[in-house]
Amino acid sequence: MFTGIIEAMGVIQSITPEGTNRHFEIESPVSHELRVDQSLAHDGVCLTVTRVAHGRHWVTAVDETLKKSTLGSWTVGSRVNLERSMAASGRFDGHIVQGHVDQVGRCTGREDHQGSWVFRFEFDPTLGNLTVEKGSICVNGVSLTCFHSSPGKFEVAIIPYTFEHTNFCQLAPGHAVNLEFDIIGKYVKTLLNR
């Protein structure tokens, strides 16, 4: 389980295809602290660490993950948000995040508010996902609060710290993002639909 509080950004150093899988080599400030078999969220996608060496770690994404997230569009040099799984003794600073991307959305707007930024996003509402006003959303692994929520659309406000310490600093209109919708909302919707 994750909380959507990004610890560090990593940079893709190499991508090696193997069948329908892709192996990613990532350099980051936390790579040296990782261990093989550890779960680590990469732009909100939970992946298993397969190797650690020289300040870098390796993970593998299978075809299903590549198709249902933005990982298939990563290139060497891409910057990715990283979060280790939550320790049982840790603080719950964000919201419950599983590291399971529900769908890919698209940034449709970015406004500089001289001290903060407002980002607008759209997603396909026919897939059954929804946001609620002042509810939680996970965008590229970052726990955020929605506003101006409507079917297939929402906005988030980004403070300078988040802007500078995540890949929101390079996010622009037209860019695809990984979206994980609030787990409580998903369960409530499923129960009501029954």
Protein backbone atom coordinates (compact mmCIF):
# COMPACT_ATOMS: atom_id res chain seq x y z
CA MET A 1 0.00 0.00 0.00
CA PHE A 2 1.11 3.55 -0.75
CA THR A 3 -0.09 6.97 0.35
CA GLY A 4 0.69 9.14 -2.68
CA ILE A 5 3.49 11.09 -0.99
CA ILE A 6 6.41 11.10 -3.44
CA GLU A 7 9.84 10.44 -1.93
CA ALA A 8 12.07 11.09 -4.91
CA MET A 9 12.24 11.36 -8.66
CA GLY A 10 14.08 8.79 -10.71
CA VAL A 11 15.50 9.03 -14.22
CA ILE A 12 15.18 6.20 -16.74
CA GLN A 13 18.70 5.12 -17.74
CA SER A 14 17.88 2.24 -20.08
CA ILE A 15 14.94 0.27 -21.43
CA THR A 16 15.40 -3.35 -22.48
CA PRO A 17 12.56 -5.17 -24.28
CA GLU A 18 12.16 -8.90 -23.66
CA GLY A 19 9.21 -10.48 -25.45
CA THR A 20 6.23 -8.30 -24.51
CA ASN A 21 7.92 -7.10 -21.29
CA ARG A 22 10.16 -4.09 -20.76
CA HIS A 23 12.94 -3.89 -18.18
CA PHE A 24 13.62 -0.37 -16.87
CA GLU A 25 16.90 0.72 -15.28
CA ILE A 26 16.31 3.74 -13.02
CA GLU A 27 18.74 5.99 -11.18
CA SER A 28 17.40 7.77 -8.09
CA PRO A 29 18.37 9.06 -4.64
CA VAL A 30 16.56 6.11 -3.00
CA SER A 31 17.74 3.30 -5.31
CA HIS A 32 20.66 2.35 -3.03
CA GLU A 33 18.22 1.81 -0.13
CA LEU A 34 16.02 -0.63 -2.04
CA ARG A 35 16.15 -4.41 -1.99
CA VAL A 36 15.15 -7.08 -4.48
CA ASP A 37 11.44 -8.07 -4.22
CA GLN A 38 10.47 -4.70 -2.72
CA SER A 39 7.37 -2.95 -4.07
CA LEU A 40 7.94 0.57 -5.37
CA ALA A 41 5.44 2.90 -7.03
CA HIS A 42 6.69 4.45 -10.29
CA ASP A 43 4.38 7.29 -11.43
CA GLY A 44 1.74 5.50 -9.37
CA VAL A 45 2.37 2.02 -10.80
CA CYS A 46 3.43 -0.64 -8.28
CA LEU A 47 6.43 -2.55 -9.66
CA THR A 48 8.75 -5.11 -8.05
CA VAL A 49 12.45 -4.29 -7.74
CA THR A 50 14.41 -7.03 -9.54
CA ARG A 51 17.98 -5.74 -9.12
CA VAL A 52 19.86 -3.00 -7.21
CA ALA A 53 23.39 -1.79 -7.98
CA HIS A 54 25.46 1.42 -8.08
CA GLY A 55 22.64 3.82 -7.13
CA ARG A 56 20.26 2.27 -9.65
CA HIS A 57 17.42 -0.22 -9.54
CA TRP A 58 15.67 -2.34 -12.15
CA VAL A 59 11.97 -3.17 -12.56
CA THR A 60 9.96 -5.06 -15.17
CA ALA A 61 6.62 -4.04 -16.65
CA VAL A 62 4.50 -6.72 -18.32
CA ASP A 63 2.38 -6.12 -21.42
CA GLU A 64 -0.83 -5.50 -19.41
CA THR A 65 0.88 -2.77 -17.37
CA LEU A 66 2.37 -1.16 -20.48
CA LYS A 67 -1.05 -1.05 -22.16
CA LYS A 68 -2.99 0.33 -19.16
CA SER A 69 -0.54 3.00 -17.99
CA THR A 70 1.88 5.57 -19.34
CA LEU A 71 4.88 3.23 -18.86
CA GLY A 72 4.73 2.20 -22.49
CA SER A 73 5.63 5.76 -23.49
CA TRP A 74 8.63 6.11 -21.16
CA THR A 75 11.93 6.87 -22.87
CA VAL A 76 15.51 7.10 -21.65
CA GLY A 77 15.71 10.34 -19.68
CA SER A 78 12.06 10.29 -18.53
CA ARG A 79 11.66 11.49 -14.95
CA VAL A 80 9.36 9.37 -12.79
CA ASN A 81 7.82 9.86 -9.34
CA LEU A 82 8.90 7.22 -6.79
CA GLU A 83 7.31 6.10 -3.53
CA ARG A 84 8.22 3.11 -1.38
CA SER A 85 5.37 1.14 0.16
CA MET A 86 4.10 2.42 3.48
CA ALA A 87 5.70 1.00 6.62
CA ALA A 88 3.18 -0.33 9.15
CA SER A 89 4.60 2.12 11.70
CA GLY A 90 4.51 5.09 9.30
CA ARG A 91 2.26 8.12 9.19
CA PHE A 92 -0.67 8.13 6.80
CA ASP A 93 0.06 11.44 5.09
CA GLY A 94 -1.85 11.07 1.80
CA HIS A 95 -4.69 8.64 1.11
CA ILE A 96 -4.97 4.89 0.44
CA VAL A 97 -3.18 4.21 -2.85
CA GLN A 98 -2.77 0.69 -4.20
CA GLY A 99 -0.42 1.37 -7.09
CA HIS A 100 -3.00 -0.02 -9.53
CA VAL A 101 -3.70 2.42 -12.36
CA ASP A 102 -7.41 2.58 -13.23
CA GLN A 103 -6.93 4.42 -16.50
CA VAL A 104 -4.80 6.91 -18.37
CA GLY A 105 -6.06 10.50 -18.36
CA ARG A 106 -4.88 13.62 -20.14
CA CYS A 107 -3.77 17.03 -18.89
CA THR A 108 -5.96 19.67 -20.57
CA GLY A 109 -4.76 22.80 -18.80
CA ARG A 110 -2.02 24.28 -16.63
CA GLU A 111 -2.32 27.73 -15.07
CA ASP A 112 0.36 29.54 -13.06
CA HIS A 113 -1.32 31.27 -10.12
CA GLN A 114 1.87 33.00 -8.90
CA GLY A 115 2.58 30.70 -5.98
CA SER A 116 0.64 27.64 -7.04
CA TRP A 117 -0.46 25.89 -10.21
CA VAL A 118 -3.87 24.60 -11.23
CA PHE A 119 -3.93 21.57 -13.53
CA ARG A 120 -7.03 20.38 -15.40
CA PHE A 121 -7.48 16.74 -16.39
CA GLU A 122 -9.94 14.74 -18.46
CA PHE A 123 -10.62 11.01 -18.47
CA ASP A 124 -13.10 8.64 -20.10
CA PRO A 125 -16.11 8.50 -17.73
CA THR A 126 -17.64 5.55 -19.62
CA LEU A 127 -15.07 3.27 -17.92
CA GLY A 128 -16.98 3.70 -14.65
CA ASN A 129 -14.46 5.84 -12.78
CA LEU A 130 -15.48 9.00 -10.98
CA THR A 131 -14.20 11.83 -8.84
CA VAL A 132 -16.05 13.78 -6.17
CA GLU A 133 -15.63 17.39 -5.10
CA LYS A 134 -12.88 17.59 -2.45
CA GLY A 135 -12.24 13.86 -2.84
CA SER A 136 -8.90 12.14 -3.33
CA ILE A 137 -7.26 11.29 -6.65
CA CYS A 138 -3.83 9.89 -7.44
CA VAL A 139 -2.14 11.46 -10.50
CA ASN A 140 1.20 9.90 -11.52
CA GLY A 141 1.44 8.56 -7.98
CA VAL A 142 0.75 11.91 -6.27
CA SER A 143 -2.09 12.08 -3.73
CA LEU A 144 -4.20 15.16 -4.54
CA THR A 145 -7.60 16.71 -3.83
CA CYS A 146 -10.09 17.20 -6.68
CA PHE A 147 -12.13 20.31 -7.26
CA HIS A 148 -14.39 21.42 -10.11
CA SER A 149 -15.20 17.73 -10.34
CA SER A 150 -17.64 16.66 -13.06
CA PRO A 151 -18.06 13.52 -15.16
CA GLY A 152 -14.75 12.96 -16.94
CA LYS A 153 -13.11 16.15 -15.62
CA PHE A 154 -11.43 17.51 -12.50
CA GLU A 155 -8.84 20.04 -11.39
CA VAL A 156 -6.08 19.95 -8.77
CA ALA A 157 -3.96 22.67 -7.17
CA ILE A 158 -0.21 22.10 -6.83
CA ILE A 159 1.94 23.88 -4.23
CA PRO A 160 5.52 24.88 -5.09
CA TYR A 161 7.09 22.00 -3.13
CA THR A 162 5.06 19.39 -5.02
CA PHE A 163 5.69 21.16 -8.32
CA GLU A 164 9.47 21.16 -7.78
CA HIS A 165 9.80 17.65 -6.27
CA THR A 166 7.60 15.65 -8.67
CA ASN A 167 7.29 15.42 -12.42
CA PHE A 168 4.41 17.93 -12.34
CA CYS A 169 7.10 20.49 -13.22
CA GLN A 170 7.27 19.02 -16.74
CA LEU A 171 3.55 18.22 -17.14
CA ALA A 172 1.80 20.23 -19.85
CA PRO A 173 -1.51 20.15 -21.74
CA GLY A 174 -1.70 17.08 -23.93
CA HIS A 175 0.47 14.90 -21.67
CA ALA A 176 -0.92 11.53 -20.57
CA VAL A 177 -1.03 10.70 -16.84
CA ASN A 178 -1.70 7.61 -14.73
CA LEU A 179 -4.92 7.92 -12.69
CA GLU A 180 -5.88 5.85 -9.67
CA PHE A 181 -9.30 6.78 -8.34
CA ASP A 182 -10.17 6.73 -4.65
CA ILE A 183 -10.53 3.15 -3.40
CA ILE A 184 -13.36 4.01 -1.00
CA GLY A 185 -15.32 5.67 -3.80
CA LYS A 186 -14.77 2.63 -6.03
CA TYR A 187 -16.09 0.24 -3.36
CA VAL A 188 -19.12 2.44 -2.59
CA LYS A 189 -19.98 2.72 -6.29
CA THR A 190 -19.66 -1.06 -6.76
CA LEU A 191 -21.93 -1.77 -3.78
CA LEU A 192 -24.54 0.75 -4.94
CA ASN A 193 -24.52 -0.72 -8.45
CA ARG A 194 -25.37 -4.14 -7.01
